[in-house]
Amino acid sequence: MKKTPPPLYKDLFVVWEGFLALKSAGLEPIRFSEIEAWLNLNGIFDLNYRQEIAHLVRILDIEHLELLRPSNANS
């Protein structure tokens, strides 16, 4: 049975967009400097909002990298 993904709330779209733009095919984590550059390119300058987006992108990246780990490949 195919699982239906959870809905992506409108206010989190920018986080998902940033993650997709910055994630790599390898096992290297997204650097804060890359997140900062992406935020600048997208005109996001509010400090609190930038911190929130950076934090959430890093959480997505950590989870993504965990799924890609060789030890999880057979799970």
PDB file of N, CA and C in Angstrom:
ATOM      1  N   MET A   1       0.846  -1.176   0.000  1.00  0.00           N
ATOM      2  CA  MET A   1       0.000   0.000   0.000  1.00  0.00           C
ATOM      3  C   MET A   1       0.892   1.239   0.000  1.00  0.00           C
ATOM      4  N   LYS A   2       0.608   2.166  -0.887  1.00  0.00           N
ATOM      5  CA  LYS A   2       1.404   3.386  -1.016  1.00  0.00           C
ATOM      6  C   LYS A   2       1.037   4.365   0.094  1.00  0.00           C
ATOM      7  N   LYS A   3       2.067   4.876   0.770  1.00  0.00           N
ATOM      8  CA  LYS A   3       1.845   5.863   1.830  1.00  0.00           C
ATOM      9  C   LYS A   3       1.625   7.246   1.227  1.00  0.00           C
ATOM     10  N   THR A   4       0.692   7.959   1.801  1.00  0.00           N
ATOM     11  CA  THR A   4       0.448   9.338   1.402  1.00  0.00           C
ATOM     12  C   THR A   4       1.333  10.239   2.250  1.00  0.00           C
ATOM     13  N   PRO A   5       2.132  11.093   1.615  1.00  0.00           N
ATOM     14  CA  PRO A   5       2.991  11.979   2.414  1.00  0.00           C
ATOM     15  C   PRO A   5       2.155  12.975   3.205  1.00  0.00           C
ATOM     16  N   PRO A   6       2.691  13.407   4.329  1.00  0.00           N
ATOM     17  CA  PRO A   6       1.957  14.411   5.110  1.00  0.00           C
ATOM     18  C   PRO A   6       1.897  15.725   4.339  1.00  0.00           C
ATOM     19  N   PRO A   7       0.920  16.567   4.649  1.00  0.00           N
ATOM     20  CA  PRO A   7       0.820  17.848   3.935  1.00  0.00           C
ATOM     21  C   PRO A   7       1.994  18.758   4.296  1.00  0.00           C
ATOM     22  N   LEU A   8       2.418  19.550   3.343  1.00  0.00           N
ATOM     23  CA  LEU A   8       3.465  20.534   3.586  1.00  0.00           C
ATOM     24  C   LEU A   8       2.778  21.870   3.850  1.00  0.00           C
ATOM     25  N   TYR A   9       2.866  22.310   5.078  1.00  0.00           N
ATOM     26  CA  TYR A   9       2.222  23.567   5.444  1.00  0.00           C
ATOM     27  C   TYR A   9       2.869  24.724   4.700  1.00  0.00           C
ATOM     28  N   LYS A  10       2.051  25.657   4.285  1.00  0.00           N
ATOM     29  CA  LYS A  10       2.491  26.782   3.461  1.00  0.00           C
ATOM     30  C   LYS A  10       3.667  27.544   4.069  1.00  0.00           C
ATOM     31  N   ASP A  11       3.647  27.733   5.398  1.00  0.00           N
ATOM     32  CA  ASP A  11       4.722  28.499   6.031  1.00  0.00           C
ATOM     33  C   ASP A  11       6.036  27.719   6.106  1.00  0.00           C
ATOM     34  N   LEU A  12       6.010  26.415   5.825  1.00  0.00           N
ATOM     35  CA  LEU A  12       7.241  25.619   5.833  1.00  0.00           C
ATOM     36  C   LEU A  12       7.776  25.374   4.429  1.00  0.00           C
ATOM     37  N   PHE A  13       7.079  25.854   3.420  1.00  0.00           N
ATOM     38  CA  PHE A  13       7.518  25.638   2.044  1.00  0.00           C
ATOM     39  C   PHE A  13       8.918  26.192   1.808  1.00  0.00           C
ATOM     40  N   VAL A  14       9.198  27.367   2.365  1.00  0.00           N
ATOM     41  CA  VAL A  14      10.515  27.990   2.167  1.00  0.00           C
ATOM     42  C   VAL A  14      11.620  27.122   2.753  1.00  0.00           C
ATOM     43  N   VAL A  15      11.348  26.426   3.837  1.00  0.00           N
ATOM     44  CA  VAL A  15      12.337  25.529   4.447  1.00  0.00           C
ATOM     45  C   VAL A  15      12.605  24.352   3.513  1.00  0.00           C
ATOM     46  N   TRP A  16      11.543  23.749   3.017  1.00  0.00           N
ATOM     47  CA  TRP A  16      11.688  22.616   2.103  1.00  0.00           C
ATOM     48  C   TRP A  16      12.393  23.050   0.816  1.00  0.00           C
ATOM     49  N   GLU A  17      12.026  24.207   0.298  1.00  0.00           N
ATOM     50  CA  GLU A  17      12.656  24.742  -0.911  1.00  0.00           C
ATOM     51  C   GLU A  17      14.159  24.942  -0.699  1.00  0.00           C
ATOM     52  N   GLY A  18      14.526  25.514   0.456  1.00  0.00           N
ATOM     53  CA  GLY A  18      15.938  25.712   0.770  1.00  0.00           C
ATOM     54  C   GLY A  18      16.676  24.402   0.888  1.00  0.00           C
ATOM     55  N   PHE A  19      16.084  23.434   1.569  1.00  0.00           N
ATOM     56  CA  PHE A  19      16.718  22.126   1.708  1.00  0.00           C
ATOM     57  C   PHE A  19      16.954  21.480   0.346  1.00  0.00           C
ATOM     58  N   LEU A  20      15.941  21.481  -0.505  1.00  0.00           N
ATOM     59  CA  LEU A  20      16.089  20.865  -1.828  1.00  0.00           C
ATOM     60  C   LEU A  20      17.157  21.566  -2.662  1.00  0.00           C
ATOM     61  N   ALA A  21      17.242  22.884  -2.522  1.00  0.00           N
ATOM     62  CA  ALA A  21      18.230  23.643  -3.286  1.00  0.00           C
ATOM     63  C   ALA A  21      19.653  23.368  -2.809  1.00  0.00           C
ATOM     64  N   LEU A  22      19.805  23.054  -1.528  1.00  0.00           N
ATOM     65  CA  LEU A  22      21.139  22.953  -0.941  1.00  0.00           C
ATOM     66  C   LEU A  22      21.652  21.534  -0.725  1.00  0.00           C
ATOM     67  N   LYS A  23      20.765  20.545  -0.697  1.00  0.00           N
ATOM     68  CA  LYS A  23      21.232  19.191  -0.391  1.00  0.00           C
ATOM     69  C   LYS A  23      22.100  18.670  -1.523  1.00  0.00           C
ATOM     70  N   SER A  24      23.046  17.839  -1.142  1.00  0.00           N
ATOM     71  CA  SER A  24      23.942  17.256  -2.139  1.00  0.00           C
ATOM     72  C   SER A  24      23.624  15.779  -2.289  1.00  0.00           C
ATOM     73  N   ALA A  25      24.155  15.194  -3.324  1.00  0.00           N
ATOM     74  CA  ALA A  25      23.927  13.776  -3.567  1.00  0.00           C
ATOM     75  C   ALA A  25      24.779  12.917  -2.643  1.00  0.00           C
ATOM     76  N   GLY A  26      25.832  13.493  -2.085  1.00  0.00           N
ATOM     77  CA  GLY A  26      26.732  12.736  -1.233  1.00  0.00           C
ATOM     78  C   GLY A  26      26.330  12.771   0.224  1.00  0.00           C
ATOM     79  N   LEU A  27      27.287  12.456   1.065  1.00  0.00           N
ATOM     80  CA  LEU A  27      27.042  12.398   2.500  1.00  0.00           C
ATOM     81  C   LEU A  27      27.605  13.603   3.235  1.00  0.00           C
ATOM     82  N   GLU A  28      27.846  14.686   2.513  1.00  0.00           N
ATOM     83  CA  GLU A  28      28.360  15.899   3.137  1.00  0.00           C
ATOM     84  C   GLU A  28      27.205  16.728   3.686  1.00  0.00           C
ATOM     85  N   PRO A  29      27.324  17.202   4.921  1.00  0.00           N
ATOM     86  CA  PRO A  29      26.255  18.047   5.469  1.00  0.00           C
ATOM     87  C   PRO A  29      26.225  19.423   4.794  1.00  0.00           C
ATOM     88  N   ILE A  30      25.063  20.034   4.811  1.00  0.00           N
ATOM     89  CA  ILE A  30      24.915  21.394   4.288  1.00  0.00           C
ATOM     90  C   ILE A  30      25.636  22.340   5.244  1.00  0.00           C
ATOM     91  N   ARG A  31      26.481  23.202   4.695  1.00  0.00           N
ATOM     92  CA  ARG A  31      27.216  24.164   5.528  1.00  0.00           C
ATOM     93  C   ARG A  31      26.347  25.385   5.817  1.00  0.00           C
ATOM     94  N   PHE A  32      26.591  25.976   6.993  1.00  0.00           N
ATOM     95  CA  PHE A  32      25.848  27.189   7.347  1.00  0.00           C
ATOM     96  C   PHE A  32      26.105  28.298   6.336  1.00  0.00           C
ATOM     97  N   SER A  33      27.315  28.366   5.789  1.00  0.00           N
ATOM     98  CA  SER A  33      27.612  29.402   4.793  1.00  0.00           C
ATOM     99  C   SER A  33      26.760  29.221   3.538  1.00  0.00           C
ATOM    100  N   GLU A  34      26.443  27.974   3.179  1.00  0.00           N
ATOM    101  CA  GLU A  34      25.584  27.718   2.029  1.00  0.00           C
ATOM    102  C   GLU A  34      24.144  28.161   2.327  1.00  0.00           C
ATOM    103  N   ILE A  35      23.693  27.883   3.553  1.00  0.00           N
ATOM    104  CA  ILE A  35      22.348  28.305   3.949  1.00  0.00           C
ATOM    105  C   ILE A  35      22.273  29.831   3.939  1.00  0.00           C
ATOM    106  N   GLU A  36      23.309  30.474   4.491  1.00  0.00           N
ATOM    107  CA  GLU A  36      23.344  31.933   4.529  1.00  0.00           C
ATOM    108  C   GLU A  36      23.303  32.518   3.118  1.00  0.00           C
ATOM    109  N   ALA A  37      24.079  31.952   2.210  1.00  0.00           N
ATOM    110  CA  ALA A  37      24.084  32.442   0.832  1.00  0.00           C
ATOM    111  C   ALA A  37      22.717  32.262   0.187  1.00  0.00           C
ATOM    112  N   TRP A  38      22.075  31.117   0.427  1.00  0.00           N
ATOM    113  CA  TRP A  38      20.744  30.868  -0.127  1.00  0.00           C
ATOM    114  C   TRP A  38      19.733  31.867   0.429  1.00  0.00           C
ATOM    115  N   LEU A  39      19.806  32.135   1.731  1.00  0.00           N
ATOM    116  CA  LEU A  39      18.906  33.115   2.345  1.00  0.00           C
ATOM    117  C   LEU A  39      19.103  34.492   1.722  1.00  0.00           C
ATOM    118  N   ASN A  40      20.362  34.892   1.532  1.00  0.00           N
ATOM    119  CA  ASN A  40      20.656  36.190   0.915  1.00  0.00           C
ATOM    120  C   ASN A  40      20.113  36.266  -0.509  1.00  0.00           C
ATOM    121  N   LEU A  41      20.337  35.204  -1.285  1.00  0.00           N
ATOM    122  CA  LEU A  41      19.865  35.186  -2.672  1.00  0.00           C
ATOM    123  C   LEU A  41      18.342  35.265  -2.765  1.00  0.00           C
ATOM    124  N   ASN A  42      17.676  34.788  -1.737  1.00  0.00           N
ATOM    125  CA  ASN A  42      16.214  34.790  -1.736  1.00  0.00           C
ATOM    126  C   ASN A  42      15.625  35.969  -0.971  1.00  0.00           C
ATOM    127  N   GLY A  43      16.460  36.922  -0.592  1.00  0.00           N
ATOM    128  CA  GLY A  43      15.982  38.153   0.025  1.00  0.00           C
ATOM    129  C   GLY A  43      15.393  37.977   1.408  1.00  0.00           C
ATOM    130  N   ILE A  44      15.887  36.984   2.137  1.00  0.00           N
ATOM    131  CA  ILE A  44      15.400  36.736   3.495  1.00  0.00           C
ATOM    132  C   ILE A  44      16.429  37.318   4.453  1.00  0.00           C
ATOM    133  N   PHE A  45      16.084  38.464   5.076  1.00  0.00           N
ATOM    134  CA  PHE A  45      17.055  39.185   5.893  1.00  0.00           C
ATOM    135  C   PHE A  45      16.660  39.325   7.360  1.00  0.00           C
ATOM    136  N   ASP A  46      15.434  38.994   7.711  1.00  0.00           N
ATOM    137  CA  ASP A  46      15.010  39.072   9.108  1.00  0.00           C
ATOM    138  C   ASP A  46      15.791  38.033   9.930  1.00  0.00           C
ATOM    139  N   LEU A  47      16.511  38.493  10.946  1.00  0.00           N
ATOM    140  CA  LEU A  47      17.420  37.628  11.701  1.00  0.00           C
ATOM    141  C   LEU A  47      16.714  36.429  12.328  1.00  0.00           C
ATOM    142  N   ASN A  48      15.589  36.649  12.976  1.00  0.00           N
ATOM    143  CA  ASN A  48      14.876  35.534  13.614  1.00  0.00           C
ATOM    144  C   ASN A  48      14.380  34.517  12.593  1.00  0.00           C
ATOM    145  N   TYR A  49      13.871  35.014  11.485  1.00  0.00           N
ATOM    146  CA  TYR A  49      13.380  34.122  10.431  1.00  0.00           C
ATOM    147  C   TYR A  49      14.538  33.338   9.812  1.00  0.00           C
ATOM    148  N   ARG A  50      15.663  34.000   9.595  1.00  0.00           N
ATOM    149  CA  ARG A  50      16.856  33.328   9.054  1.00  0.00           C
ATOM    150  C   ARG A  50      17.313  32.212   9.977  1.00  0.00           C
ATOM    151  N   GLN A  51      17.339  32.493  11.286  1.00  0.00           N
ATOM    152  CA  GLN A  51      17.767  31.484  12.251  1.00  0.00           C
ATOM    153  C   GLN A  51      16.819  30.293  12.254  1.00  0.00           C
ATOM    154  N   GLU A  52      15.535  30.572  12.173  1.00  0.00           N
ATOM    155  CA  GLU A  52      14.543  29.493  12.162  1.00  0.00           C
ATOM    156  C   GLU A  52      14.693  28.628  10.909  1.00  0.00           C
ATOM    157  N   ILE A  53      14.824  29.260   9.769  1.00  0.00           N
ATOM    158  CA  ILE A  53      14.988  28.518   8.517  1.00  0.00           C
ATOM    159  C   ILE A  53      16.278  27.698   8.555  1.00  0.00           C
ATOM    160  N   ALA A  54      17.374  28.318   8.979  1.00  0.00           N
ATOM    161  CA  ALA A  54      18.654  27.605   9.041  1.00  0.00           C
ATOM    162  C   ALA A  54      18.544  26.389   9.954  1.00  0.00           C
ATOM    163  N   HIS A  55      17.914  26.561  11.102  1.00  0.00           N
ATOM    164  CA  HIS A  55      17.757  25.458  12.049  1.00  0.00           C
ATOM    165  C   HIS A  55      16.948  24.317  11.429  1.00  0.00           C
ATOM    166  N   LEU A  56      15.844  24.638  10.784  1.00  0.00           N
ATOM    167  CA  LEU A  56      14.991  23.608  10.202  1.00  0.00           C
ATOM    168  C   LEU A  56      15.641  22.919   9.005  1.00  0.00           C
ATOM    169  N   VAL A  57      16.381  23.677   8.198  1.00  0.00           N
ATOM    170  CA  VAL A  57      17.107  23.070   7.077  1.00  0.00           C
ATOM    171  C   VAL A  57      18.149  22.096   7.608  1.00  0.00           C
ATOM    172  N   ARG A  58      18.841  22.480   8.673  1.00  0.00           N
ATOM    173  CA  ARG A  58      19.843  21.579   9.269  1.00  0.00           C
ATOM    174  C   ARG A  58      19.189  20.308   9.814  1.00  0.00           C
ATOM    175  N   ILE A  59      18.021  20.416  10.428  1.00  0.00           N
ATOM    176  CA  ILE A  59      17.323  19.232  10.930  1.00  0.00           C
ATOM    177  C   ILE A  59      16.957  18.304   9.770  1.00  0.00           C
ATOM    178  N   LEU A  60      16.423  18.873   8.693  1.00  0.00           N
ATOM    179  CA  LEU A  60      16.111  18.058   7.517  1.00  0.00           C
ATOM    180  C   LEU A  60      17.365  17.392   6.970  1.00  0.00           C
ATOM    181  N   ASP A  61      18.461  18.129   6.945  1.00  0.00           N
ATOM    182  CA  ASP A  61      19.715  17.593   6.428  1.00  0.00           C
ATOM    183  C   ASP A  61      20.222  16.442   7.303  1.00  0.00           C
ATOM    184  N   ILE A  62      20.159  16.606   8.604  1.00  0.00           N
ATOM    185  CA  ILE A  62      20.595  15.541   9.519  1.00  0.00           C
ATOM    186  C   ILE A  62      19.773  14.275   9.284  1.00  0.00           C
ATOM    187  N   GLU A  63      18.459  14.428   9.168  1.00  0.00           N
ATOM    188  CA  GLU A  63      17.594  13.270   8.927  1.00  0.00           C
ATOM    189  C   GLU A  63      17.884  12.642   7.563  1.00  0.00           C
ATOM    190  N   HIS A  64      18.092  13.476   6.567  1.00  0.00           N
ATOM    191  CA  HIS A  64      18.400  12.993   5.220  1.00  0.00           C
ATOM    192  C   HIS A  64      19.698  12.193   5.228  1.00  0.00           C
ATOM    193  N   LEU A  65      20.724  12.723   5.856  1.00  0.00           N
ATOM    194  CA  LEU A  65      22.011  12.032   5.921  1.00  0.00           C
ATOM    195  C   LEU A  65      21.903  10.726   6.695  1.00  0.00           C
ATOM    196  N   GLU A  66      21.089  10.707   7.724  1.00  0.00           N
ATOM    197  CA  GLU A  66      20.878   9.486   8.503  1.00  0.00           C
ATOM    198  C   GLU A  66      20.263   8.391   7.633  1.00  0.00           C
ATOM    199  N   LEU A  67      19.314   8.773   6.783  1.00  0.00           N
ATOM    200  CA  LEU A  67      18.681   7.800   5.895  1.00  0.00           C
ATOM    201  C   LEU A  67      19.646   7.264   4.843  1.00  0.00           C
ATOM    202  N   LEU A  68      20.631   8.077   4.470  1.00  0.00           N
ATOM    203  CA  LEU A  68      21.585   7.670   3.445  1.00  0.00           C
ATOM    204  C   LEU A  68      22.754   6.844   3.989  1.00  0.00           C
ATOM    205  N   ARG A  69      22.897   6.803   5.295  1.00  0.00           N
ATOM    206  CA  ARG A  69      24.008   6.057   5.878  1.00  0.00           C
ATOM    207  C   ARG A  69      23.968   4.593   5.430  1.00  0.00           C
ATOM    208  N   PRO A  70      25.124   4.027   5.124  1.00  0.00           N
ATOM    209  CA  PRO A  70      25.169   2.622   4.708  1.00  0.00           C
ATOM    210  C   PRO A  70      24.515   1.671   5.724  1.00  0.00           C
ATOM    211  N   SER A  71      24.610   1.946   7.002  1.00  0.00           N
ATOM    212  CA  SER A  71      24.014   1.061   8.013  1.00  0.00           C
ATOM    213  C   SER A  71      22.491   1.057   7.938  1.00  0.00           C
ATOM    214  N   ASN A  72      21.906   2.083   7.344  1.00  0.00           N
ATOM    215  CA  ASN A  72      20.461   2.159   7.206  1.00  0.00           C
ATOM    216  C   ASN A  72      19.975   1.692   5.828  1.00  0.00           C
ATOM    217  N   ALA A  73      20.907   1.391   4.940  1.00  0.00           N
ATOM    218  CA  ALA A  73      20.533   1.028   3.576  1.00  0.00           C
ATOM    219  C   ALA A  73      19.708  -0.258   3.523  1.00  0.00           C
ATOM    220  N   ASN A  74      19.936  -1.168   4.457  1.00  0.00           N
ATOM    221  CA  ASN A  74      19.213  -2.434   4.444  1.00  0.00           C
ATOM    222  C   ASN A  74      17.955  -2.419   5.296  1.00  0.00           C
ATOM    223  N   SER A  75      17.661  -1.294   5.945  1.00  0.00           N
ATOM    224  CA  SER A  75      16.487  -1.208   6.825  1.00  0.00           C
ATOM    225  C   SER A  75      15.207  -1.077   6.046  1.00  0.00           C
TER     226      SER A  75
END
